[in-house]
Amino acid sequence: MTEGAGFVAGDLPDELTAAEAGMWQAFRNGTVYDLSSGDAVVDDPHGGHPWGPERSVRARIVAWLLLDGPPALAGRVSSLKLTGVRITDTLDLSGGTVQPYVELRGCRFDEEVRLPEARFTTLRLVECAVPRLEAARVHTEGDLHLPRCRFRHGVRLTDAHIGTDLLLNQAVVHRDRSGRSIAADGLTVGQDLQAELLESHGELSLRAAQVGVSLSLRGATLDNPYSRYALNAPQLTVERTLYLTPAGVGSPLLSGTTPARGTRIQPFECRGGLRLDDGRFGDAVDLERARFVLTDDQALSMRRVQTPELRFLGDAPQSGQVLLSGARIVNLVDRAASWPGPGSLHMGGFTYENLVPRGPFPLTRRLDWVAAATAEYNPEPYERLATVLREAGEDEDAREVLLAKQRRRRETLPPAGKIWGYVQDWTVAYGYRPGRAAVWMAVLWAAGTLAFAHADHPPINHDGHPDWNPALFTLDLLLPVIDLGQVGQWQLRGAWQWLAAVMILLGWILATTVAAGATRLLRRG
């Protein structure tokens, strides 16, 4: 136990217990008041071992010190630094202004802590057991630290203003009566919000929250089987990066660094819906190795999100939906295995400028990705992908995507349209493979030349006619509009007449499909 130096009995109110008197003097001296026993089991604030009167102080006395405490001893700065202390009753600092520095470590609160509209310089509760923290509109000039704390009935930080950092690392928070574990709608954090290895049992609500630097949920587990969302954060603004990525368990390394070899890695896991709709992220949204366990009516929703980079590198959800409708991304970093299958992906209005695949992501899989997002035919995802590929210099792949778009469109047409679509596909691949026209023309020309070489061909005008040339005759049949002076000079009968008619028809079909394909290419250009 650390007692304050210079103890004078006359300085103390008469109503204080021995434990409170020691706390009072340590406050004036600015020193740590430590009532822990040295036994880790006994000192565990989350354990069941009772702490008696020798380790207990009343919440009213703590509030007295913080709101209207005695002056510091000469040459000292008053502060409340408690370790291993039990605070009985409800600590209520509502609306108060707390000037002293406050740091409580390994303490146990019997009742909730009430801080609505209170003002602090810095407040640190480290590894404390707190039934509930009620801190709506609390204001701190510096940090609010709550690492390794456990809250049995939730935390409320609605419209709170944190001057620098908010730390919730390794905290365990259970839901309140409304189903929320942490209610922090409208929260403003000046610098970082770190909630690494957080355990949230209920809805973590960050609607319209603002974070000045980065928001880290590395290694966090968000579990909410009670309602729709495990993380409900529409209109969230993060000036730098949102991290939903793994963390090293037990690693002494600083946040964001690579864990040492052999360190156990815990991924970010969300058991319940996640909503980031209309969010703004200055650098990136990082989903490296993230896991999502969704029911059929839940979703990973990032509709209308705006960020320079989306790292969609987690495990593909086995059920539920992935919603990216209206999102605007510059760099899409993804893996083929991260995307869900047909019917579970929605990308209407989703725009991105660059594709940065991690690992193999062949064009066939990329086309499956687009098809999965369009249960009904929608040209937009195909055109976006083709544009991105063309701007990256992948012209051949871009043509393949546009060809896939036409084939998908064909399935929506009536029978006549489908037949015409198949003709265009077989002949010139809707204009995206114009070389096919020359191949078809050569095949038909060669076949016709061989056939008509054996045809009976009496001339129409016996007085003057050109020499019979089956190659020129076939070419004259195949080329519409152009007259080579052969067809009108010879008279065919029977099957040869029908063959000539078929050649004329095939020539017109080939010419029409070439024209349709050329028109499509010109419109695209």
Protein backbone atom coordinates (compact mmCIF):
# COMPACT_ATOMS: atom_id res chain seq x y z
CA MET A 1 0.00 0.00 0.00
CA THR A 2 1.30 3.47 -0.92
CA GLU A 3 0.38 6.10 1.66
CA GLY A 4 0.74 9.83 1.04
CA ALA A 5 3.63 11.52 2.78
CA GLY A 6 3.14 14.34 5.31
CA PHE A 7 -0.08 12.94 6.81
CA VAL A 8 -1.73 15.42 9.20
CA ALA A 9 -4.92 14.19 10.92
CA GLY A 10 -6.40 17.68 11.11
CA ASP A 11 -6.48 17.93 7.33
CA LEU A 12 -9.03 15.12 7.01
CA PRO A 13 -12.82 15.18 7.32
CA ASP A 14 -13.94 13.22 10.35
CA GLU A 15 -16.33 10.94 8.42
CA LEU A 16 -13.63 9.18 6.37
CA THR A 17 -12.79 5.53 6.85
CA ALA A 18 -9.17 4.46 7.06
CA ALA A 19 -9.12 3.47 3.39
CA GLU A 20 -10.70 6.77 2.39
CA ALA A 21 -8.29 8.76 4.54
CA GLY A 22 -5.37 7.13 2.74
CA MET A 23 -6.96 7.92 -0.62
CA TRP A 24 -7.56 11.53 0.46
CA GLN A 25 -3.92 12.07 1.37
CA ALA A 26 -2.61 10.28 -1.74
CA PHE A 27 -4.83 12.61 -3.81
CA ARG A 28 -3.21 15.68 -2.25
CA ASN A 29 0.22 14.19 -2.73
CA GLY A 30 -0.46 13.11 -6.37
CA THR A 31 0.74 9.57 -5.68
CA VAL A 32 -0.68 6.11 -6.44
CA TYR A 33 -2.97 4.70 -3.79
CA ASP A 34 -2.53 0.94 -4.05
CA LEU A 35 -4.70 -1.43 -2.02
CA SER A 36 -3.88 -4.60 -3.94
CA SER A 37 -2.75 -7.67 -2.00
CA GLY A 38 -0.11 -8.96 -4.38
CA ASP A 39 -2.10 -12.15 -5.05
CA ALA A 40 -3.19 -12.14 -8.71
CA VAL A 41 -6.28 -14.27 -8.02
CA VAL A 42 -7.47 -12.13 -5.13
CA ASP A 43 -6.68 -8.88 -6.97
CA ASP A 44 -8.54 -9.80 -10.16
CA PRO A 45 -11.32 -7.17 -10.35
CA HIS A 46 -13.35 -9.47 -12.60
CA GLY A 47 -13.02 -12.46 -10.29
CA GLY A 48 -15.31 -13.60 -7.51
CA HIS A 49 -13.00 -13.03 -4.55
CA PRO A 50 -14.64 -10.54 -2.14
CA TRP A 51 -12.91 -7.26 -1.33
CA GLY A 52 -13.70 -6.12 2.18
CA PRO A 53 -13.90 -2.69 3.87
CA GLU A 54 -10.12 -2.44 4.01
CA ARG A 55 -10.12 -2.09 0.21
CA SER A 56 -13.38 -0.13 -0.16
CA VAL A 57 -14.08 3.58 -0.58
CA ARG A 58 -17.43 5.27 -1.07
CA ALA A 59 -18.26 6.73 -4.47
CA ARG A 60 -19.40 9.94 -2.75
CA ILE A 61 -15.91 10.53 -1.36
CA VAL A 62 -14.35 9.90 -4.77
CA ALA A 63 -16.73 12.47 -6.28
CA TRP A 64 -15.90 14.92 -3.48
CA LEU A 65 -12.18 14.65 -4.28
CA LEU A 66 -12.67 15.07 -8.01
CA LEU A 67 -15.21 17.90 -7.98
CA ASP A 68 -14.24 19.86 -4.87
CA GLY A 69 -11.19 18.18 -3.40
CA PRO A 70 -8.56 19.67 -1.10
CA PRO A 71 -5.59 21.57 -2.53
CA ALA A 72 -2.41 19.71 -3.39
CA LEU A 73 0.43 19.62 -0.93
CA ALA A 74 3.21 22.11 -1.52
CA GLY A 75 5.21 21.20 -4.63
CA ARG A 76 2.70 18.54 -5.69
CA VAL A 77 -0.08 18.21 -8.28
CA SER A 78 -3.27 16.65 -7.00
CA SER A 79 -4.50 13.57 -8.92
CA LEU A 80 -6.57 10.48 -8.27
CA LYS A 81 -4.52 7.35 -8.96
CA LEU A 82 -6.10 4.22 -7.52
CA THR A 83 -5.03 0.59 -7.86
CA GLY A 84 -6.96 -2.41 -6.54
CA VAL A 85 -9.68 -0.31 -4.90
CA ARG A 86 -13.37 -1.14 -4.59
CA ILE A 87 -15.77 1.80 -5.11
CA THR A 88 -19.14 1.25 -3.48
CA ASP A 89 -22.43 2.87 -4.51
CA THR A 90 -22.92 4.88 -7.73
CA LEU A 91 -20.14 7.22 -8.83
CA ASP A 92 -22.05 10.21 -10.21
CA LEU A 93 -20.11 13.11 -11.75
CA SER A 94 -22.92 14.24 -14.07
CA GLY A 95 -22.36 17.74 -15.40
CA GLY A 96 -19.27 18.24 -13.28
CA THR A 97 -15.87 19.64 -14.23
CA VAL A 98 -12.97 17.47 -13.12
CA GLN A 99 -9.60 19.19 -13.20
CA PRO A 100 -7.34 16.54 -11.59
CA TYR A 101 -5.82 13.74 -13.58
CA VAL A 102 -7.74 10.47 -13.04
CA GLU A 103 -6.31 6.97 -13.44
CA LEU A 104 -7.87 3.86 -11.91
CA ARG A 105 -6.22 0.47 -12.43
CA GLY A 106 -7.61 -2.90 -11.49
CA CYS A 107 -10.49 -1.34 -9.57
CA ARG A 108 -13.95 -2.73 -8.96
CA PHE A 109 -17.17 -0.66 -9.07
CA ASP A 110 -20.25 -1.96 -7.30
CA GLU A 111 -22.63 0.26 -9.27
CA GLU A 112 -22.62 2.13 -12.56
CA VAL A 113 -20.39 5.11 -13.30
CA ARG A 114 -22.34 8.19 -14.37
CA LEU A 115 -20.46 10.85 -16.34
CA PRO A 116 -23.02 12.52 -18.66
CA GLU A 117 -21.96 16.02 -19.68
CA ALA A 118 -18.97 15.89 -17.36
CA ARG A 119 -15.67 17.48 -18.40
CA PHE A 120 -12.23 15.94 -17.83
CA THR A 121 -8.67 16.64 -18.84
CA THR A 122 -7.75 12.93 -19.09
CA LEU A 123 -9.62 9.90 -17.74
CA ARG A 124 -8.10 6.43 -17.59
CA LEU A 125 -9.88 3.31 -16.34
CA VAL A 126 -7.58 0.34 -16.93
CA GLU A 127 -8.69 -3.27 -16.32
CA CYS A 128 -11.59 -2.21 -14.15
CA ALA A 129 -14.88 -4.00 -13.53
CA VAL A 130 -17.74 -1.57 -14.19
CA PRO A 131 -21.41 -2.59 -14.27
CA ARG A 132 -22.18 0.22 -16.72
CA LEU A 133 -20.56 3.42 -17.97
CA GLU A 134 -23.06 6.18 -18.68
CA ALA A 135 -21.11 8.98 -20.37
CA ALA A 136 -23.31 10.67 -22.96
CA ARG A 137 -21.89 14.05 -24.03
CA VAL A 138 -18.83 13.61 -21.84
CA HIS A 139 -15.96 15.91 -22.85
CA THR A 140 -12.25 15.25 -22.41
CA GLU A 141 -9.42 17.55 -23.43
CA GLY A 142 -7.07 14.56 -23.61
CA ASP A 143 -7.56 10.79 -23.66
CA LEU A 144 -10.33 8.51 -22.55
CA HIS A 145 -8.77 5.10 -21.87
CA LEU A 146 -10.88 2.02 -21.06
CA PRO A 147 -8.55 -0.88 -21.98
CA ARG A 148 -9.20 -4.36 -20.53
CA CYS A 149 -12.26 -3.09 -18.68
CA ARG A 150 -15.39 -5.20 -18.47
CA PHE A 151 -18.84 -3.65 -18.62
CA ARG A 152 -21.73 -5.97 -17.75
CA HIS A 153 -24.48 -3.62 -18.94
CA GLY A 154 -22.93 -1.59 -21.72
CA VAL A 155 -21.24 1.72 -22.38
CA ARG A 156 -22.92 4.90 -23.53
CA LEU A 157 -20.79 7.55 -25.25
CA THR A 158 -23.49 9.22 -27.35
CA ASP A 159 -22.32 12.63 -28.63
CA ALA A 160 -19.18 12.38 -26.50
CA HIS A 161 -16.17 14.50 -27.44
CA ILE A 162 -12.74 12.97 -26.88
CA GLY A 163 -9.91 15.45 -27.40
CA THR A 164 -7.20 12.97 -28.40
CA ASP A 165 -7.46 9.13 -28.21
CA LEU A 166 -10.24 6.75 -27.20
CA LEU A 167 -8.88 3.33 -26.18
CA LEU A 168 -11.06 0.24 -25.77
CA ASN A 169 -8.40 -2.38 -26.41
CA GLN A 170 -9.27 -5.83 -25.00
CA ALA A 171 -12.39 -4.46 -23.32
CA VAL A 172 -15.36 -6.80 -22.86
CA VAL A 173 -18.74 -5.13 -23.20
CA HIS A 174 -22.15 -6.77 -22.83
CA ARG A 175 -25.40 -5.32 -24.05
CA ASP A 176 -27.67 -2.97 -22.19
CA ARG A 177 -31.46 -3.11 -22.03
CA SER A 178 -31.75 -1.63 -25.53
CA GLY A 179 -29.50 -4.34 -27.00
CA ARG A 180 -26.45 -2.12 -27.50
CA SER A 181 -23.05 -2.94 -26.13
CA ILE A 182 -21.52 0.45 -26.96
CA ALA A 183 -23.84 3.29 -27.92
CA ALA A 184 -21.59 5.96 -29.41
CA ASP A 185 -23.74 7.70 -32.01
CA GLY A 186 -22.39 11.17 -32.78
CA LEU A 187 -19.09 10.43 -31.03
CA THR A 188 -16.15 12.68 -31.94
CA VAL A 189 -12.56 11.51 -31.39
CA GLY A 190 -9.73 13.95 -32.09
CA GLN A 191 -7.14 11.33 -32.99
CA ASP A 192 -7.32 7.51 -32.87
CA LEU A 193 -10.12 5.23 -31.78
CA GLN A 194 -8.52 1.91 -30.88
CA ALA A 195 -10.71 -1.04 -29.99
CA GLU A 196 -8.31 -3.87 -30.76
CA LEU A 197 -9.24 -7.33 -29.43
CA LEU A 198 -12.51 -5.84 -28.22
CA GLU A 199 -15.28 -8.29 -27.29
CA SER A 200 -18.66 -6.77 -28.02
CA HIS A 201 -21.78 -8.74 -27.10
CA GLY A 202 -24.58 -6.67 -28.60
CA GLU A 203 -24.76 -3.85 -31.13
CA LEU A 204 -21.75 -1.56 -31.42
CA SER A 205 -23.36 1.66 -32.64
CA LEU A 206 -21.21 4.40 -34.19
CA ARG A 207 -23.78 6.22 -36.30
CA ALA A 208 -22.46 9.56 -37.61
CA ALA A 209 -19.31 9.22 -35.49
CA GLN A 210 -16.15 11.13 -36.48
CA VAL A 211 -12.58 9.93 -35.94
CA GLY A 212 -9.71 12.34 -36.55
CA VAL A 213 -7.09 9.77 -37.55
CA SER A 214 -7.73 5.99 -37.68
CA LEU A 215 -10.26 3.55 -36.27
CA SER A 216 -8.80 0.15 -35.40
CA LEU A 217 -10.88 -2.93 -34.65
CA ARG A 218 -7.96 -5.30 -35.23
CA GLY A 219 -8.68 -8.72 -33.77
CA ALA A 220 -12.04 -7.61 -32.37
CA THR A 221 -14.98 -9.99 -31.98
CA LEU A 222 -18.38 -8.40 -32.52
CA ASP A 223 -21.19 -10.77 -31.64
CA ASN A 224 -24.85 -9.82 -31.78
CA PRO A 225 -27.31 -12.70 -32.17
CA TYR A 226 -30.09 -10.56 -30.71
CA SER A 227 -30.74 -8.09 -33.55
CA ARG A 228 -29.72 -7.18 -37.10
CA TYR A 229 -26.34 -5.48 -36.67
CA ALA A 230 -23.18 -6.25 -34.75
CA LEU A 231 -21.60 -3.01 -36.03
CA ASN A 232 -24.00 -0.26 -36.96
CA ALA A 233 -22.00 2.69 -38.27
CA PRO A 234 -23.74 4.55 -41.12
CA GLN A 235 -22.31 8.00 -41.95
CA LEU A 236 -19.10 7.19 -40.11
CA THR A 237 -16.22 9.53 -40.96
CA VAL A 238 -12.61 8.38 -40.48
CA GLU A 239 -9.90 10.72 -41.71
CA ARG A 240 -7.41 7.92 -42.34
CA THR A 241 -8.08 4.13 -42.26
CA LEU A 242 -10.67 1.77 -40.82
CA TYR A 243 -8.94 -1.49 -39.84
CA LEU A 244 -11.06 -4.65 -39.63
CA THR A 245 -7.95 -6.86 -39.67
CA PRO A 246 -6.10 -9.44 -37.52
CA ALA A 247 -4.15 -8.65 -34.36
CA GLY A 248 -1.36 -10.46 -32.55
CA VAL A 249 -2.61 -11.91 -29.28
CA GLY A 250 -0.28 -11.30 -26.37
CA SER A 251 2.20 -9.40 -28.53
CA PRO A 252 3.88 -6.42 -26.85
CA LEU A 253 4.22 -4.77 -30.25
CA LEU A 254 2.60 -1.46 -30.92
CA SER A 255 -0.65 -1.26 -32.85
CA GLY A 256 -0.29 -1.62 -36.59
CA THR A 257 3.10 -3.31 -36.61
CA THR A 258 3.76 -6.81 -37.90
CA PRO A 259 3.48 -9.38 -35.09
CA ALA A 260 6.61 -11.33 -34.21
CA ARG A 261 7.00 -14.80 -35.64
CA GLY A 262 5.13 -17.35 -33.56
CA THR A 263 2.61 -14.82 -32.26
CA ARG A 264 -0.95 -16.16 -32.27
CA ILE A 265 -3.03 -14.18 -34.74
CA GLN A 266 -6.66 -13.39 -34.03
CA PRO A 267 -8.72 -12.17 -37.00
CA PHE A 268 -11.45 -9.60 -36.89
CA GLU A 269 -14.73 -11.51 -36.62
CA CYS A 270 -18.23 -10.11 -36.98
CA ARG A 271 -21.15 -12.38 -36.03
CA GLY A 272 -24.02 -10.25 -37.21
CA GLY A 273 -24.66 -7.56 -39.77
CA LEU A 274 -22.17 -4.77 -40.42
CA ARG A 275 -23.33 -1.42 -41.79
CA LEU A 276 -20.98 1.29 -43.06
CA ASP A 277 -23.46 2.97 -45.41
CA ASP A 278 -22.57 6.54 -46.50
CA GLY A 279 -19.22 6.35 -44.70
CA ARG A 280 -16.22 8.52 -45.63
CA PHE A 281 -12.71 7.14 -45.16
CA GLY A 282 -9.68 9.26 -46.05
CA ASP A 283 -7.21 6.46 -46.80
CA ALA A 284 -8.75 2.98 -46.83
CA VAL A 285 -11.19 0.41 -45.50
CA ASP A 286 -9.11 -2.67 -44.73
CA LEU A 287 -10.84 -6.09 -44.47
CA GLU A 288 -7.70 -8.24 -44.58
CA ARG A 289 -8.66 -11.78 -43.39
CA ALA A 290 -11.88 -10.50 -41.82
CA ARG A 291 -14.56 -13.07 -41.03
CA PHE A 292 -18.29 -12.44 -41.32
CA VAL A 293 -20.89 -14.83 -39.99
CA LEU A 294 -24.26 -13.66 -41.29
CA THR A 295 -27.79 -15.00 -41.35
CA ASP A 296 -29.78 -14.86 -44.57
CA ASP A 297 -31.38 -11.52 -43.63
CA GLN A 298 -28.13 -9.84 -42.54
CA ALA A 299 -25.59 -8.00 -44.68
CA LEU A 300 -22.11 -6.59 -44.96
CA SER A 301 -23.37 -3.24 -46.18
CA MET A 302 -21.08 -0.56 -47.63
CA ARG A 303 -23.57 1.28 -49.78
CA ARG A 304 -22.43 4.71 -50.99
CA VAL A 305 -19.12 4.40 -49.13
CA GLN A 306 -16.36 6.69 -50.40
CA THR A 307 -12.69 5.81 -49.91
CA PRO A 308 -9.49 5.84 -51.98
CA GLU A 309 -8.95 2.14 -51.31
CA LEU A 310 -11.10 -0.83 -50.36
CA ARG A 311 -9.11 -3.92 -49.36
CA PHE A 312 -11.74 -6.61 -49.75
CA LEU A 313 -9.54 -9.47 -48.60
CA GLY A 314 -11.61 -11.29 -46.00
CA ASP A 315 -13.29 -14.68 -46.07
CA ALA A 316 -16.37 -14.85 -48.27
CA PRO A 317 -19.55 -14.92 -46.14
CA GLN A 318 -21.34 -18.26 -46.42
CA SER A 319 -24.75 -16.58 -46.22
CA GLY A 320 -26.21 -13.09 -46.10
CA GLN A 321 -25.55 -10.26 -48.54
CA VAL A 322 -22.63 -8.05 -49.56
CA LEU A 323 -23.92 -4.61 -50.60
CA LEU A 324 -21.71 -2.15 -52.47
CA SER A 325 -24.41 -0.25 -54.33
CA GLY A 326 -23.39 3.34 -55.03
CA ALA A 327 -19.96 2.98 -53.43
CA ARG A 328 -17.13 5.01 -54.95
CA ILE A 329 -13.63 3.50 -54.75
CA VAL A 330 -10.35 4.41 -56.43
CA ASN A 331 -8.38 1.18 -55.83
CA LEU A 332 -10.23 -2.10 -55.33
CA VAL A 333 -7.81 -4.59 -53.77
CA ASP A 334 -9.45 -8.02 -53.65
CA ARG A 335 -9.16 -11.80 -53.85
CA ALA A 336 -11.30 -14.09 -55.94
CA ALA A 337 -12.13 -16.18 -52.86
CA SER A 338 -13.36 -13.16 -50.89
CA TRP A 339 -16.53 -12.56 -52.91
CA PRO A 340 -19.83 -14.38 -52.33
CA GLY A 341 -21.70 -16.30 -54.99
CA PRO A 342 -24.68 -15.38 -57.18
CA GLY A 343 -27.56 -13.65 -55.47
CA SER A 344 -25.48 -12.52 -52.49
CA LEU A 345 -23.60 -9.62 -54.10
CA HIS A 346 -25.13 -6.29 -55.15
CA MET A 347 -23.06 -3.65 -56.97
CA GLY A 348 -25.53 -1.33 -58.70
CA GLY A 349 -23.81 2.03 -59.20
CA PHE A 350 -20.54 0.71 -57.69
CA THR A 351 -17.61 2.57 -59.26
CA TYR A 352 -13.90 1.85 -59.02
CA GLU A 353 -10.96 3.09 -61.05
CA ASN A 354 -8.29 0.43 -60.58
CA LEU A 355 -8.29 -3.30 -59.88
CA VAL A 356 -5.44 -4.64 -57.72
CA PRO A 357 -6.04 -8.39 -57.30
CA ARG A 358 -4.16 -10.32 -54.62
CA GLY A 359 -3.36 -13.74 -55.97
CA PRO A 360 -4.82 -15.36 -59.11
CA PHE A 361 -7.94 -13.66 -60.40
CA PRO A 362 -8.42 -14.76 -64.04
CA LEU A 363 -10.88 -12.97 -66.28
CA THR A 364 -13.31 -15.90 -66.16
CA ARG A 365 -13.54 -15.51 -62.38
CA ARG A 366 -13.89 -11.74 -62.75
CA LEU A 367 -16.81 -12.30 -65.12
CA ASP A 368 -18.36 -14.69 -62.59
CA TRP A 369 -17.94 -11.87 -60.03
CA VAL A 370 -19.92 -9.49 -62.22
CA ALA A 371 -22.55 -12.12 -62.99
CA ALA A 372 -22.96 -12.83 -59.26
CA ALA A 373 -23.83 -9.18 -58.73
CA THR A 374 -26.52 -9.07 -61.41
CA ALA A 375 -29.34 -11.50 -60.72
CA GLU A 376 -31.18 -9.69 -63.50
CA TYR A 377 -29.35 -8.30 -66.51
CA ASN A 378 -27.70 -4.95 -65.79
CA PRO A 379 -25.14 -3.56 -68.24
CA GLU A 380 -23.53 -1.19 -65.75
CA PRO A 381 -21.17 -3.61 -63.89
CA TYR A 382 -19.94 -5.02 -67.22
CA GLU A 383 -19.29 -1.57 -68.66
CA ARG A 384 -17.47 -0.43 -65.52
CA LEU A 385 -15.20 -3.49 -65.58
CA ALA A 386 -14.52 -3.03 -69.31
CA THR A 387 -13.65 0.64 -68.79
CA VAL A 388 -11.21 -0.17 -65.98
CA LEU A 389 -9.54 -2.92 -68.02
CA ARG A 390 -9.27 -0.72 -71.10
CA GLU A 391 -7.69 2.12 -69.10
CA ALA A 392 -5.21 -0.40 -67.70
CA GLY A 393 -4.22 -1.35 -71.26
CA GLU A 394 -6.08 -4.68 -71.24
CA ASP A 395 -8.03 -4.09 -74.46
CA GLU A 396 -8.54 -7.77 -75.26
CA ASP A 397 -9.96 -8.47 -71.79
CA ALA A 398 -12.19 -5.40 -72.09
CA ARG A 399 -13.64 -6.79 -75.34
CA GLU A 400 -14.26 -10.15 -73.63
CA VAL A 401 -16.20 -8.38 -70.89
CA LEU A 402 -18.36 -6.49 -73.39
CA LEU A 403 -18.96 -9.73 -75.29
CA ALA A 404 -20.07 -11.37 -72.03
CA LYS A 405 -22.43 -8.42 -71.51
CA GLN A 406 -24.08 -9.03 -74.90
CA ARG A 407 -24.44 -12.75 -74.20
CA ARG A 408 -26.03 -11.98 -70.83
CA ARG A 409 -28.38 -9.49 -72.51
CA ARG A 410 -29.35 -12.11 -75.10
CA GLU A 411 -30.94 -14.26 -72.40
CA THR A 412 -33.46 -11.49 -71.70
CA LEU A 413 -34.65 -11.18 -75.34
CA PRO A 414 -37.70 -12.80 -77.00
CA PRO A 415 -37.08 -15.88 -79.19
CA ALA A 416 -36.49 -13.92 -82.41
CA GLY A 417 -34.01 -11.65 -80.66
CA LYS A 418 -32.21 -14.63 -79.18
CA ILE A 419 -31.85 -16.25 -82.59
CA TRP A 420 -30.46 -13.05 -84.08
CA GLY A 421 -28.14 -12.75 -81.09
CA TYR A 422 -26.78 -16.25 -81.62
CA VAL A 423 -26.19 -15.42 -85.30
CA GLN A 424 -24.21 -12.30 -84.35
CA ASP A 425 -22.28 -14.28 -81.74
CA TRP A 426 -21.34 -17.14 -84.05
CA THR A 427 -20.37 -14.91 -86.93
CA VAL A 428 -18.53 -11.87 -85.54
CA ALA A 429 -18.96 -12.22 -81.75
CA TYR A 430 -21.19 -9.13 -81.70
CA GLY A 431 -18.48 -7.17 -83.49
CA TYR A 432 -15.82 -7.71 -80.83
CA ARG A 433 -14.03 -10.32 -82.97
CA PRO A 434 -14.26 -8.85 -86.48
CA GLY A 435 -11.67 -11.29 -87.84
CA ARG A 436 -14.35 -13.96 -87.71
CA ALA A 437 -16.13 -12.26 -90.64
CA ALA A 438 -13.14 -12.87 -92.91
CA VAL A 439 -12.96 -16.49 -91.78
CA TRP A 440 -16.64 -17.07 -92.47
CA MET A 441 -16.36 -15.35 -95.85
CA ALA A 442 -13.35 -17.49 -96.81
CA VAL A 443 -15.13 -20.69 -95.72
CA LEU A 444 -18.30 -19.85 -97.64
CA TRP A 445 -16.36 -18.70 -100.68
CA ALA A 446 -14.26 -21.90 -100.78
CA ALA A 447 -17.30 -24.14 -100.25
CA GLY A 448 -19.32 -22.33 -102.92
CA THR A 449 -16.45 -22.40 -105.40
CA LEU A 450 -16.04 -26.16 -104.99
CA ALA A 451 -19.79 -26.75 -105.29
CA PHE A 452 -20.48 -24.51 -108.27
CA ALA A 453 -17.50 -25.97 -110.16
CA HIS A 454 -19.79 -28.99 -110.76
CA ALA A 455 -22.98 -27.04 -111.52
CA ASP A 456 -24.86 -27.09 -114.82
CA HIS A 457 -24.80 -23.42 -115.88
CA PRO A 458 -26.31 -22.63 -119.29
CA PRO A 459 -25.88 -18.95 -120.18
CA ILE A 460 -28.90 -16.68 -120.30
CA ASN A 461 -27.56 -14.80 -123.34
CA HIS A 462 -26.00 -17.15 -125.87
CA ASP A 463 -24.70 -14.30 -128.01
CA GLY A 464 -22.32 -12.86 -125.45
CA HIS A 465 -21.36 -13.93 -121.95
CA PRO A 466 -18.21 -14.06 -119.84
CA ASP A 467 -16.34 -17.26 -119.20
CA TRP A 468 -17.75 -19.39 -116.37
CA ASN A 469 -15.78 -18.74 -113.18
CA PRO A 470 -17.21 -20.53 -110.08
CA ALA A 471 -15.03 -18.46 -107.71
CA LEU A 472 -16.26 -15.11 -109.06
CA PHE A 473 -19.81 -16.44 -109.29
CA THR A 474 -19.74 -17.46 -105.58
CA LEU A 475 -18.21 -14.14 -104.57
CA ASP A 476 -20.90 -12.26 -106.51
CA LEU A 477 -23.55 -14.20 -104.58
CA LEU A 478 -21.96 -13.52 -101.19
CA LEU A 479 -21.33 -9.79 -101.61
CA PRO A 480 -24.59 -7.84 -101.33
CA VAL A 481 -24.95 -4.59 -103.31
CA ILE A 482 -21.65 -5.14 -105.18
CA ASP A 483 -22.21 -6.54 -108.72
CA LEU A 484 -19.33 -8.51 -110.25
CA GLY A 485 -21.29 -9.24 -113.42
CA GLN A 486 -21.62 -13.02 -112.85
CA VAL A 487 -24.96 -13.80 -111.26
CA GLY A 488 -27.11 -12.34 -114.05
CA GLN A 489 -25.28 -14.22 -116.80
CA TRP A 490 -26.04 -17.83 -115.88
CA GLN A 491 -29.17 -19.85 -115.39
CA LEU A 492 -29.18 -22.42 -112.57
CA ARG A 493 -31.81 -25.08 -112.06
CA GLY A 494 -33.01 -27.34 -109.28
CA ALA A 495 -30.80 -27.72 -106.23
CA TRP A 496 -28.20 -25.35 -107.65
CA GLN A 497 -30.76 -22.59 -107.70
CA TRP A 498 -31.53 -23.23 -104.03
CA LEU A 499 -27.84 -23.27 -103.17
CA ALA A 500 -27.41 -19.89 -104.87
CA ALA A 501 -30.32 -18.51 -102.83
CA VAL A 502 -28.75 -19.82 -99.59
CA MET A 503 -25.44 -18.16 -100.53
CA ILE A 504 -27.19 -14.83 -101.11
CA LEU A 505 -28.99 -15.13 -97.73
CA LEU A 506 -25.77 -16.00 -95.89
CA GLY A 507 -24.03 -13.08 -97.53
CA TRP A 508 -26.71 -10.67 -96.33
CA ILE A 509 -26.65 -12.13 -92.80
CA LEU A 510 -22.88 -11.85 -92.66
CA ALA A 511 -22.95 -8.27 -93.97
CA THR A 512 -25.70 -7.26 -91.53
CA THR A 513 -23.93 -8.72 -88.50
CA VAL A 514 -20.67 -7.02 -89.52
CA ALA A 515 -22.54 -3.71 -89.83
CA ALA A 516 -24.24 -4.21 -86.45
CA GLY A 517 -20.92 -5.03 -84.82
CA ALA A 518 -19.20 -2.06 -86.42
CA THR A 519 -21.98 0.25 -85.25
CA ARG A 520 -21.63 -1.10 -81.70
CA LEU A 521 -17.87 -0.55 -81.73
CA LEU A 522 -18.26 3.00 -83.05
CA ARG A 523 -20.82 3.82 -80.34
CA ARG A 524 -18.43 2.48 -77.68
CA GLY A 525 -15.62 4.62 -79.09
